Amino acid sequence: MFKDLNNKEDNSNNKSRSGLAAAFVAGGQDGALKWLVESGATVCVFLISGVKFECRLTNYDSYTIGISDIKGNQQLIYKDKISTISLKQPVAEH
């Protein structure tokens, strides 16, 4: 579900992706989703139907993720309908 976590050639995104990659390796999918929710990172969620959402993840469970777009609209998406989740822009780590 997560794309290009170990891309070493893109130095501008290495710092933010390293946090996501570490969360993914340490905690699997739940670790990565937890990191995305806690960081408030803007992501692009691509569905298998081709629909793209630019949003923030608000919550997740075993079968779904909750998202909120920039206007505050909330949606619930089934994980099995997601093709890819990628960071929209680098996130500054604290």
PDB file of N, CA and C in Angstrom:
ATOM      1  N   MET A   1       0.815  -1.178   0.000  1.00  0.00           N
ATOM      2  CA  MET A   1       0.000   0.000   0.000  1.00  0.00           C
ATOM      3  C   MET A   1       0.867   1.252   0.000  1.00  0.00           C
ATOM      4  N   PHE A   2       2.065   1.227   0.537  1.00  0.00           N
ATOM      5  CA  PHE A   2       2.922   2.395   0.592  1.00  0.00           C
ATOM      6  C   PHE A   2       4.007   2.271  -0.456  1.00  0.00           C
ATOM      7  N   LYS A   3       4.314   3.382  -1.117  1.00  0.00           N
ATOM      8  CA  LYS A   3       5.162   3.373  -2.283  1.00  0.00           C
ATOM      9  C   LYS A   3       6.477   4.107  -2.026  1.00  0.00           C
ATOM     10  N   ASP A   4       7.572   3.582  -2.562  1.00  0.00           N
ATOM     11  CA  ASP A   4       8.878   4.242  -2.565  1.00  0.00           C
ATOM     12  C   ASP A   4       9.383   4.646  -1.185  1.00  0.00           C
ATOM     13  N   LEU A   5       9.257   3.778  -0.209  1.00  0.00           N
ATOM     14  CA  LEU A   5       9.703   4.113   1.135  1.00  0.00           C
ATOM     15  C   LEU A   5      11.216   4.125   1.268  1.00  0.00           C
ATOM     16  N   ASN A   6      11.904   3.403   0.397  1.00  0.00           N
ATOM     17  CA  ASN A   6      13.361   3.302   0.508  1.00  0.00           C
ATOM     18  C   ASN A   6      14.076   3.978  -0.649  1.00  0.00           C
ATOM     19  N   ASN A   7      13.465   4.980  -1.270  1.00  0.00           N
ATOM     20  CA  ASN A   7      14.068   5.689  -2.388  1.00  0.00           C
ATOM     21  C   ASN A   7      15.231   6.541  -1.888  1.00  0.00           C
ATOM     22  N   LYS A   8      16.456   6.132  -2.179  1.00  0.00           N
ATOM     23  CA  LYS A   8      17.650   6.816  -1.688  1.00  0.00           C
ATOM     24  C   LYS A   8      18.044   7.998  -2.574  1.00  0.00           C
ATOM     25  N   GLU A   9      17.536   8.073  -3.817  1.00  0.00           N
ATOM     26  CA  GLU A   9      17.974   9.092  -4.744  1.00  0.00           C
ATOM     27  C   GLU A   9      17.310  10.439  -4.495  1.00  0.00           C
ATOM     28  N   ASP A  10      16.145  10.480  -3.884  1.00  0.00           N
ATOM     29  CA  ASP A  10      15.432  11.730  -3.661  1.00  0.00           C
ATOM     30  C   ASP A  10      15.782  12.271  -2.285  1.00  0.00           C
ATOM     31  N   ASN A  11      16.850  13.085  -2.203  1.00  0.00           N
ATOM     32  CA  ASN A  11      17.340  13.581  -0.920  1.00  0.00           C
ATOM     33  C   ASN A  11      16.394  14.563  -0.256  1.00  0.00           C
ATOM     34  N   SER A  12      15.554  15.272  -1.015  1.00  0.00           N
ATOM     35  CA  SER A  12      14.654  16.248  -0.412  1.00  0.00           C
ATOM     36  C   SER A  12      13.591  15.577   0.440  1.00  0.00           C
ATOM     37  N   ASN A  13      13.239  14.354   0.135  1.00  0.00           N
ATOM     38  CA  ASN A  13      12.198  13.654   0.882  1.00  0.00           C
ATOM     39  C   ASN A  13      12.735  12.617   1.847  1.00  0.00           C
ATOM     40  N   ASN A  14      14.058  12.407   1.880  1.00  0.00           N
ATOM     41  CA  ASN A  14      14.613  11.340   2.707  1.00  0.00           C
ATOM     42  C   ASN A  14      14.302  11.504   4.181  1.00  0.00           C
ATOM     43  N   LYS A  15      14.345  12.732   4.702  1.00  0.00           N
ATOM     44  CA  LYS A  15      14.125  12.940   6.126  1.00  0.00           C
ATOM     45  C   LYS A  15      12.705  12.560   6.526  1.00  0.00           C
ATOM     46  N   SER A  16      11.706  13.030   5.774  1.00  0.00           N
ATOM     47  CA  SER A  16      10.327  12.715   6.127  1.00  0.00           C
ATOM     48  C   SER A  16      10.009  11.258   5.836  1.00  0.00           C
ATOM     49  N   ARG A  17      10.539  10.741   4.765  1.00  0.00           N
ATOM     50  CA  ARG A  17      10.263   9.342   4.440  1.00  0.00           C
ATOM     51  C   ARG A  17      10.957   8.393   5.398  1.00  0.00           C
ATOM     52  N   SER A  18      12.058   8.823   5.988  1.00  0.00           N
ATOM     53  CA  SER A  18      12.743   7.943   6.928  1.00  0.00           C
ATOM     54  C   SER A  18      11.862   7.687   8.143  1.00  0.00           C
ATOM     55  N   GLY A  19      11.106   8.700   8.597  1.00  0.00           N
ATOM     56  CA  GLY A  19      10.183   8.509   9.715  1.00  0.00           C
ATOM     57  C   GLY A  19       9.075   7.551   9.350  1.00  0.00           C
ATOM     58  N   LEU A  20       8.532   7.700   8.159  1.00  0.00           N
ATOM     59  CA  LEU A  20       7.477   6.808   7.700  1.00  0.00           C
ATOM     60  C   LEU A  20       8.020   5.398   7.486  1.00  0.00           C
ATOM     61  N   ALA A  21       9.211   5.299   6.887  1.00  0.00           N
ATOM     62  CA  ALA A  21       9.812   3.984   6.649  1.00  0.00           C
ATOM     63  C   ALA A  21      10.099   3.275   7.969  1.00  0.00           C
ATOM     64  N   ALA A  22      10.608   4.025   8.952  1.00  0.00           N
ATOM     65  CA  ALA A  22      10.889   3.429  10.266  1.00  0.00           C
ATOM     66  C   ALA A  22       9.603   2.958  10.927  1.00  0.00           C
ATOM     67  N   ALA A  23       8.540   3.756  10.822  1.00  0.00           N
ATOM     68  CA  ALA A  23       7.252   3.359  11.398  1.00  0.00           C
ATOM     69  C   ALA A  23       6.715   2.127  10.696  1.00  0.00           C
ATOM     70  N   PHE A  24       6.889   2.072   9.373  1.00  0.00           N
ATOM     71  CA  PHE A  24       6.394   0.935   8.603  1.00  0.00           C
ATOM     72  C   PHE A  24       7.150  -0.341   8.960  1.00  0.00           C
ATOM     73  N   VAL A  25       8.473  -0.244   9.070  1.00  0.00           N
ATOM     74  CA  VAL A  25       9.287  -1.418   9.401  1.00  0.00           C
ATOM     75  C   VAL A  25       9.023  -1.873  10.830  1.00  0.00           C
ATOM     76  N   ALA A  26       8.952  -0.921  11.754  1.00  0.00           N
ATOM     77  CA  ALA A  26       8.783  -1.264  13.162  1.00  0.00           C
ATOM     78  C   ALA A  26       7.380  -1.757  13.487  1.00  0.00           C
ATOM     79  N   GLY A  27       6.368  -1.153  12.877  1.00  0.00           N
ATOM     80  CA  GLY A  27       5.002  -1.484  13.255  1.00  0.00           C
ATOM     81  C   GLY A  27       4.135  -1.975  12.123  1.00  0.00           C
ATOM     82  N   GLY A  28       4.726  -2.252  10.969  1.00  0.00           N
ATOM     83  CA  GLY A  28       3.944  -2.703   9.839  1.00  0.00           C
ATOM     84  C   GLY A  28       2.980  -1.620   9.374  1.00  0.00           C
ATOM     85  N   GLN A  29       1.890  -2.059   8.767  1.00  0.00           N
ATOM     86  CA  GLN A  29       0.897  -1.122   8.256  1.00  0.00           C
ATOM     87  C   GLN A  29       0.331  -0.247   9.366  1.00  0.00           C
ATOM     88  N   ASP A  30       0.041  -0.825  10.527  1.00  0.00           N
ATOM     89  CA  ASP A  30      -0.508  -0.044  11.637  1.00  0.00           C
ATOM     90  C   ASP A  30       0.474   1.025  12.105  1.00  0.00           C
ATOM     91  N   GLY A  31       1.765   0.711  12.133  1.00  0.00           N
ATOM     92  CA  GLY A  31       2.767   1.679  12.534  1.00  0.00           C
ATOM     93  C   GLY A  31       2.836   2.854  11.568  1.00  0.00           C
ATOM     94  N   ALA A  32       2.770   2.554  10.276  1.00  0.00           N
ATOM     95  CA  ALA A  32       2.810   3.618   9.272  1.00  0.00           C
ATOM     96  C   ALA A  32       1.555   4.477   9.342  1.00  0.00           C
ATOM     97  N   LEU A  33       0.396   3.856   9.486  1.00  0.00           N
ATOM     98  CA  LEU A  33      -0.849   4.619   9.585  1.00  0.00           C
ATOM     99  C   LEU A  33      -0.874   5.472  10.848  1.00  0.00           C
ATOM    100  N   LYS A  34      -0.376   4.919  11.948  1.00  0.00           N
ATOM    101  CA  LYS A  34      -0.308   5.682  13.191  1.00  0.00           C
ATOM    102  C   LYS A  34       0.574   6.912  13.014  1.00  0.00           C
ATOM    103  N   TRP A  35       1.725   6.740  12.363  1.00  0.00           N
ATOM    104  CA  TRP A  35       2.632   7.862  12.111  1.00  0.00           C
ATOM    105  C   TRP A  35       1.951   8.919  11.247  1.00  0.00           C
ATOM    106  N   LEU A  36       1.220   8.511  10.215  1.00  0.00           N
ATOM    107  CA  LEU A  36       0.535   9.460   9.339  1.00  0.00           C
ATOM    108  C   LEU A  36      -0.562  10.221  10.081  1.00  0.00           C
ATOM    109  N   VAL A  37      -1.300   9.545  10.944  1.00  0.00           N
ATOM    110  CA  VAL A  37      -2.348  10.208  11.726  1.00  0.00           C
ATOM    111  C   VAL A  37      -1.725  11.201  12.698  1.00  0.00           C
ATOM    112  N   GLU A  38      -0.697  10.772  13.433  1.00  0.00           N
ATOM    113  CA  GLU A  38      -0.074  11.621  14.452  1.00  0.00           C
ATOM    114  C   GLU A  38       0.685  12.811  13.850  1.00  0.00           C
ATOM    115  N   SER A  39       1.301  12.623  12.699  1.00  0.00           N
ATOM    116  CA  SER A  39       2.083  13.706  12.093  1.00  0.00           C
ATOM    117  C   SER A  39       1.190  14.727  11.393  1.00  0.00           C
ATOM    118  N   GLY A  40      -0.014  14.334  11.033  1.00  0.00           N
ATOM    119  CA  GLY A  40      -0.900  15.243  10.310  1.00  0.00           C
ATOM    120  C   GLY A  40      -0.435  15.517   8.894  1.00  0.00           C
ATOM    121  N   ALA A  41       0.353  14.616   8.354  1.00  0.00           N
ATOM    122  CA  ALA A  41       0.905  14.792   7.014  1.00  0.00           C
ATOM    123  C   ALA A  41      -0.194  14.767   5.958  1.00  0.00           C
ATOM    124  N   THR A  42      -0.038  15.621   4.952  1.00  0.00           N
ATOM    125  CA  THR A  42      -0.946  15.590   3.810  1.00  0.00           C
ATOM    126  C   THR A  42      -0.506  14.458   2.898  1.00  0.00           C
ATOM    127  N   VAL A  43      -1.453  13.619   2.532  1.00  0.00           N
ATOM    128  CA  VAL A  43      -1.157  12.465   1.694  1.00  0.00           C
ATOM    129  C   VAL A  43      -2.071  12.452   0.478  1.00  0.00           C
ATOM    130  N   CYS A  44      -1.672  11.692  -0.504  1.00  0.00           N
ATOM    131  CA  CYS A  44      -2.524  11.395  -1.649  1.00  0.00           C
ATOM    132  C   CYS A  44      -2.937   9.934  -1.518  1.00  0.00           C
ATOM    133  N   VAL A  45      -4.237   9.710  -1.476  1.00  0.00           N
ATOM    134  CA  VAL A  45      -4.773   8.360  -1.406  1.00  0.00           C
ATOM    135  C   VAL A  45      -5.362   8.048  -2.779  1.00  0.00           C
ATOM    136  N   PHE A  46      -4.831   7.024  -3.425  1.00  0.00           N
ATOM    137  CA  PHE A  46      -5.326   6.594  -4.728  1.00  0.00           C
ATOM    138  C   PHE A  46      -6.129   5.313  -4.546  1.00  0.00           C
ATOM    139  N   LEU A  47      -7.347   5.312  -5.052  1.00  0.00           N
ATOM    140  CA  LEU A  47      -8.178   4.113  -4.994  1.00  0.00           C
ATOM    141  C   LEU A  47      -7.930   3.255  -6.220  1.00  0.00           C
ATOM    142  N   ILE A  48      -8.315   1.988  -6.147  1.00  0.00           N
ATOM    143  CA  ILE A  48      -8.114   1.094  -7.288  1.00  0.00           C
ATOM    144  C   ILE A  48      -8.969   1.513  -8.477  1.00  0.00           C
ATOM    145  N   SER A  49     -10.003   2.313  -8.245  1.00  0.00           N
ATOM    146  CA  SER A  49     -10.845   2.824  -9.326  1.00  0.00           C
ATOM    147  C   SER A  49     -10.203   4.017 -10.036  1.00  0.00           C
ATOM    148  N   GLY A  50      -9.094   4.549  -9.495  1.00  0.00           N
ATOM    149  CA  GLY A  50      -8.407   5.681 -10.095  1.00  0.00           C
ATOM    150  C   GLY A  50      -8.698   7.000  -9.419  1.00  0.00           C
ATOM    151  N   VAL A  51      -9.619   7.040  -8.475  1.00  0.00           N
ATOM    152  CA  VAL A  51      -9.955   8.270  -7.762  1.00  0.00           C
ATOM    153  C   VAL A  51      -8.800   8.649  -6.844  1.00  0.00           C
ATOM    154  N   LYS A  52      -8.500   9.962  -6.780  1.00  0.00           N
ATOM    155  CA  LYS A  52      -7.409  10.472  -5.946  1.00  0.00           C
ATOM    156  C   LYS A  52      -7.987  11.419  -4.905  1.00  0.00           C
ATOM    157  N   PHE A  53      -7.559  11.248  -3.652  1.00  0.00           N
ATOM    158  CA  PHE A  53      -7.919  12.162  -2.569  1.00  0.00           C
ATOM    159  C   PHE A  53      -6.643  12.794  -2.031  1.00  0.00           C
ATOM    160  N   GLU A  54      -6.620  14.128  -1.902  1.00  0.00           N
ATOM    161  CA  GLU A  54      -5.549  14.808  -1.185  1.00  0.00           C
ATOM    162  C   GLU A  54      -6.129  15.146   0.175  1.00  0.00           C
ATOM    163  N   CYS A  55      -5.544  14.563   1.218  1.00  0.00           N
ATOM    164  CA  CYS A  55      -6.203  14.625   2.520  1.00  0.00           C
ATOM    165  C   CYS A  55      -5.214  14.359   3.652  1.00  0.00           C
ATOM    166  N   ARG A  56      -5.748  14.341   4.846  1.00  0.00           N
ATOM    167  CA  ARG A  56      -5.017  13.910   6.042  1.00  0.00           C
ATOM    168  C   ARG A  56      -5.753  12.710   6.611  1.00  0.00           C
ATOM    169  N   LEU A  57      -5.007  11.746   7.096  1.00  0.00           N
ATOM    170  CA  LEU A  57      -5.629  10.604   7.742  1.00  0.00           C
ATOM    171  C   LEU A  57      -6.037  11.010   9.151  1.00  0.00           C
ATOM    172  N   THR A  58      -7.270  10.697   9.530  1.00  0.00           N
ATOM    173  CA  THR A  58      -7.758  11.076  10.850  1.00  0.00           C
ATOM    174  C   THR A  58      -7.829   9.890  11.795  1.00  0.00           C
ATOM    175  N   ASN A  59      -8.089   8.706  11.262  1.00  0.00           N
ATOM    176  CA  ASN A  59      -8.146   7.497  12.077  1.00  0.00           C
ATOM    177  C   ASN A  59      -8.118   6.275  11.172  1.00  0.00           C
ATOM    178  N   TYR A  60      -8.019   5.111  11.802  1.00  0.00           N
ATOM    179  CA  TYR A  60      -7.996   3.858  11.047  1.00  0.00           C
ATOM    180  C   TYR A  60      -8.378   2.718  11.975  1.00  0.00           C
ATOM    181  N   ASP A  61      -8.787   1.616  11.370  1.00  0.00           N
ATOM    182  CA  ASP A  61      -8.994   0.375  12.105  1.00  0.00           C
ATOM    183  C   ASP A  61      -8.566  -0.771  11.201  1.00  0.00           C
ATOM    184  N   SER A  62      -8.987  -1.968  11.498  1.00  0.00           N
ATOM    185  CA  SER A  62      -8.549  -3.136  10.735  1.00  0.00           C
ATOM    186  C   SER A  62      -8.996  -3.114   9.281  1.00  0.00           C
ATOM    187  N   TYR A  63     -10.121  -2.470   8.999  1.00  0.00           N
ATOM    188  CA  TYR A  63     -10.696  -2.542   7.655  1.00  0.00           C
ATOM    189  C   TYR A  63     -10.836  -1.205   6.949  1.00  0.00           C
ATOM    190  N   THR A  64     -10.745  -0.092   7.672  1.00  0.00           N
ATOM    191  CA  THR A  64     -11.014   1.210   7.077  1.00  0.00           C
ATOM    192  C   THR A  64      -9.998   2.263   7.513  1.00  0.00           C
ATOM    193  N   ILE A  65      -9.964   3.366   6.755  1.00  0.00           N
ATOM    194  CA  ILE A  65      -9.254   4.562   7.185  1.00  0.00           C
ATOM    195  C   ILE A  65     -10.225   5.731   7.077  1.00  0.00           C
ATOM    196  N   GLY A  66     -10.089   6.681   7.983  1.00  0.00           N
ATOM    197  CA  GLY A  66     -10.862   7.909   7.926  1.00  0.00           C
ATOM    198  C   GLY A  66      -9.975   9.009   7.403  1.00  0.00           C
ATOM    199  N   ILE A  67     -10.522   9.825   6.490  1.00  0.00           N
ATOM    200  CA  ILE A  67      -9.755  10.922   5.930  1.00  0.00           C
ATOM    201  C   ILE A  67     -10.532  12.224   6.066  1.00  0.00           C
ATOM    202  N   SER A  68      -9.801  13.327   6.015  1.00  0.00           N
ATOM    203  CA  SER A  68     -10.393  14.655   6.051  1.00  0.00           C
ATOM    204  C   SER A  68      -9.675  15.501   5.006  1.00  0.00           C
ATOM    205  N   ASP A  69     -10.441  16.106   4.078  1.00  0.00           N
ATOM    206  CA  ASP A  69      -9.813  16.943   3.057  1.00  0.00           C
ATOM    207  C   ASP A  69      -9.593  18.355   3.580  1.00  0.00           C
ATOM    208  N   ILE A  70      -9.058  19.235   2.744  1.00  0.00           N
ATOM    209  CA  ILE A  70      -8.711  20.579   3.194  1.00  0.00           C
ATOM    210  C   ILE A  70      -9.934  21.416   3.565  1.00  0.00           C
ATOM    211  N   LYS A  71     -11.099  21.041   3.074  1.00  0.00           N
ATOM    212  CA  LYS A  71     -12.337  21.746   3.418  1.00  0.00           C
ATOM    213  C   LYS A  71     -12.987  21.173   4.669  1.00  0.00           C
ATOM    214  N   GLY A  72     -12.404  20.113   5.220  1.00  0.00           N
ATOM    215  CA  GLY A  72     -12.947  19.502   6.426  1.00  0.00           C
ATOM    216  C   GLY A  72     -13.958  18.399   6.173  1.00  0.00           C
ATOM    217  N   ASN A  73     -14.195  18.066   4.906  1.00  0.00           N
ATOM    218  CA  ASN A  73     -15.104  16.956   4.590  1.00  0.00           C
ATOM    219  C   ASN A  73     -14.458  15.646   5.001  1.00  0.00           C
ATOM    220  N   GLN A  74     -15.222  14.802   5.669  1.00  0.00           N
ATOM    221  CA  GLN A  74     -14.691  13.531   6.138  1.00  0.00           C
ATOM    222  C   GLN A  74     -15.296  12.375   5.353  1.00  0.00           C
ATOM    223  N   GLN A  75     -14.467  11.349   5.148  1.00  0.00           N
ATOM    224  CA  GLN A  75     -14.924  10.148   4.456  1.00  0.00           C
ATOM    225  C   GLN A  75     -14.284   8.935   5.105  1.00  0.00           C
ATOM    226  N   LEU A  76     -14.953   7.820   4.950  1.00  0.00           N
ATOM    227  CA  LEU A  76     -14.448   6.541   5.428  1.00  0.00           C
ATOM    228  C   LEU A  76     -14.184   5.679   4.203  1.00  0.00           C
ATOM    229  N   ILE A  77     -12.973   5.132   4.098  1.00  0.00           N
ATOM    230  CA  ILE A  77     -12.584   4.345   2.932  1.00  0.00           C
ATOM    231  C   ILE A  77     -12.170   2.952   3.388  1.00  0.00           C
ATOM    232  N   TYR A  78     -12.684   1.943   2.702  1.00  0.00           N
ATOM    233  CA  TYR A  78     -12.257   0.575   2.985  1.00  0.00           C
ATOM    234  C   TYR A  78     -10.836   0.368   2.470  1.00  0.00           C
ATOM    235  N   LYS A  79      -9.987  -0.243   3.292  1.00  0.00           N
ATOM    236  CA  LYS A  79      -8.581  -0.453   2.921  1.00  0.00           C
ATOM    237  C   LYS A  79      -8.435  -1.283   1.656  1.00  0.00           C
ATOM    238  N   ASP A  80      -9.325  -2.227   1.431  1.00  0.00           N
ATOM    239  CA  ASP A  80      -9.177  -3.082   0.252  1.00  0.00           C
ATOM    240  C   ASP A  80      -9.494  -2.348  -1.052  1.00  0.00           C
ATOM    241  N   LYS A  81      -9.966  -1.119  -0.966  1.00  0.00           N
ATOM    242  CA  LYS A  81     -10.229  -0.296  -2.151  1.00  0.00           C
ATOM    243  C   LYS A  81      -9.096   0.684  -2.438  1.00  0.00           C
ATOM    244  N   ILE A  82      -8.059   0.693  -1.578  1.00  0.00           N
ATOM    245  CA  ILE A  82      -6.931   1.618  -1.729  1.00  0.00           C
ATOM    246  C   ILE A  82      -5.821   0.962  -2.540  1.00  0.00           C
ATOM    247  N   SER A  83      -5.331   1.693  -3.514  1.00  0.00           N
ATOM    248  CA  SER A  83      -4.202   1.230  -4.313  1.00  0.00           C
ATOM    249  C   SER A  83      -2.888   1.698  -3.700  1.00  0.00           C
ATOM    250  N   THR A  84      -2.788   3.010  -3.426  1.00  0.00           N
ATOM    251  CA  THR A  84      -1.539   3.604  -2.959  1.00  0.00           C
ATOM    252  C   THR A  84      -1.821   4.777  -2.030  1.00  0.00           C
ATOM    253  N   ILE A  85      -0.962   4.922  -1.015  1.00  0.00           N
ATOM    254  CA  ILE A  85      -0.952   6.127  -0.195  1.00  0.00           C
ATOM    255  C   ILE A  85       0.461   6.682  -0.282  1.00  0.00           C
ATOM    256  N   SER A  86       0.576   7.960  -0.662  1.00  0.00           N
ATOM    257  CA  SER A  86       1.910   8.568  -0.749  1.00  0.00           C
ATOM    258  C   SER A  86       1.886   9.943  -0.103  1.00  0.00           C
ATOM    259  N   LEU A  87       3.033  10.373   0.404  1.00  0.00           N
ATOM    260  CA  LEU A  87       3.158  11.704   0.990  1.00  0.00           C
ATOM    261  C   LEU A  87       3.042  12.754  -0.106  1.00  0.00           C
ATOM    262  N   LYS A  88       2.272  13.776   0.150  1.00  0.00           N
ATOM    263  CA  LYS A  88       2.140  14.869  -0.825  1.00  0.00           C
ATOM    264  C   LYS A  88       3.377  15.746  -0.810  1.00  0.00           C
ATOM    265  N   GLN A  89       3.914  16.003   0.377  1.00  0.00           N
ATOM    266  CA  GLN A  89       5.103  16.838   0.523  1.00  0.00           C
ATOM    267  C   GLN A  89       5.883  16.364   1.735  1.00  0.00           C
ATOM    268  N   PRO A  90       7.166  16.713   1.809  1.00  0.00           N
ATOM    269  CA  PRO A  90       7.953  16.304   2.979  1.00  0.00           C
ATOM    270  C   PRO A  90       7.379  16.860   4.273  1.00  0.00           C
ATOM    271  N   VAL A  91       7.491  16.082   5.327  1.00  0.00           N
ATOM    272  CA  VAL A  91       7.025  16.494   6.646  1.00  0.00           C
ATOM    273  C   VAL A  91       8.248  16.746   7.508  1.00  0.00           C
ATOM    274  N   ALA A  92       8.313  17.906   8.127  1.00  0.00           N
ATOM    275  CA  ALA A  92       9.441  18.222   9.013  1.00  0.00           C
ATOM    276  C   ALA A  92       9.323  17.387  10.274  1.00  0.00           C
ATOM    277  N   GLU A  93      10.394  16.662  10.597  1.00  0.00           N
ATOM    278  CA  GLU A  93      10.394  15.841  11.810  1.00  0.00           C
ATOM    279  C   GLU A  93      10.873  16.681  12.973  1.00  0.00           C
ATOM    280  N   HIS A  94      10.287  16.463  14.132  1.00  0.00           N
ATOM    281  CA  HIS A  94      10.618  17.228  15.329  1.00  0.00           C
ATOM    282  C   HIS A  94      11.696  16.542  16.111  1.00  0.00           C
TER     283      HIS A  94
END
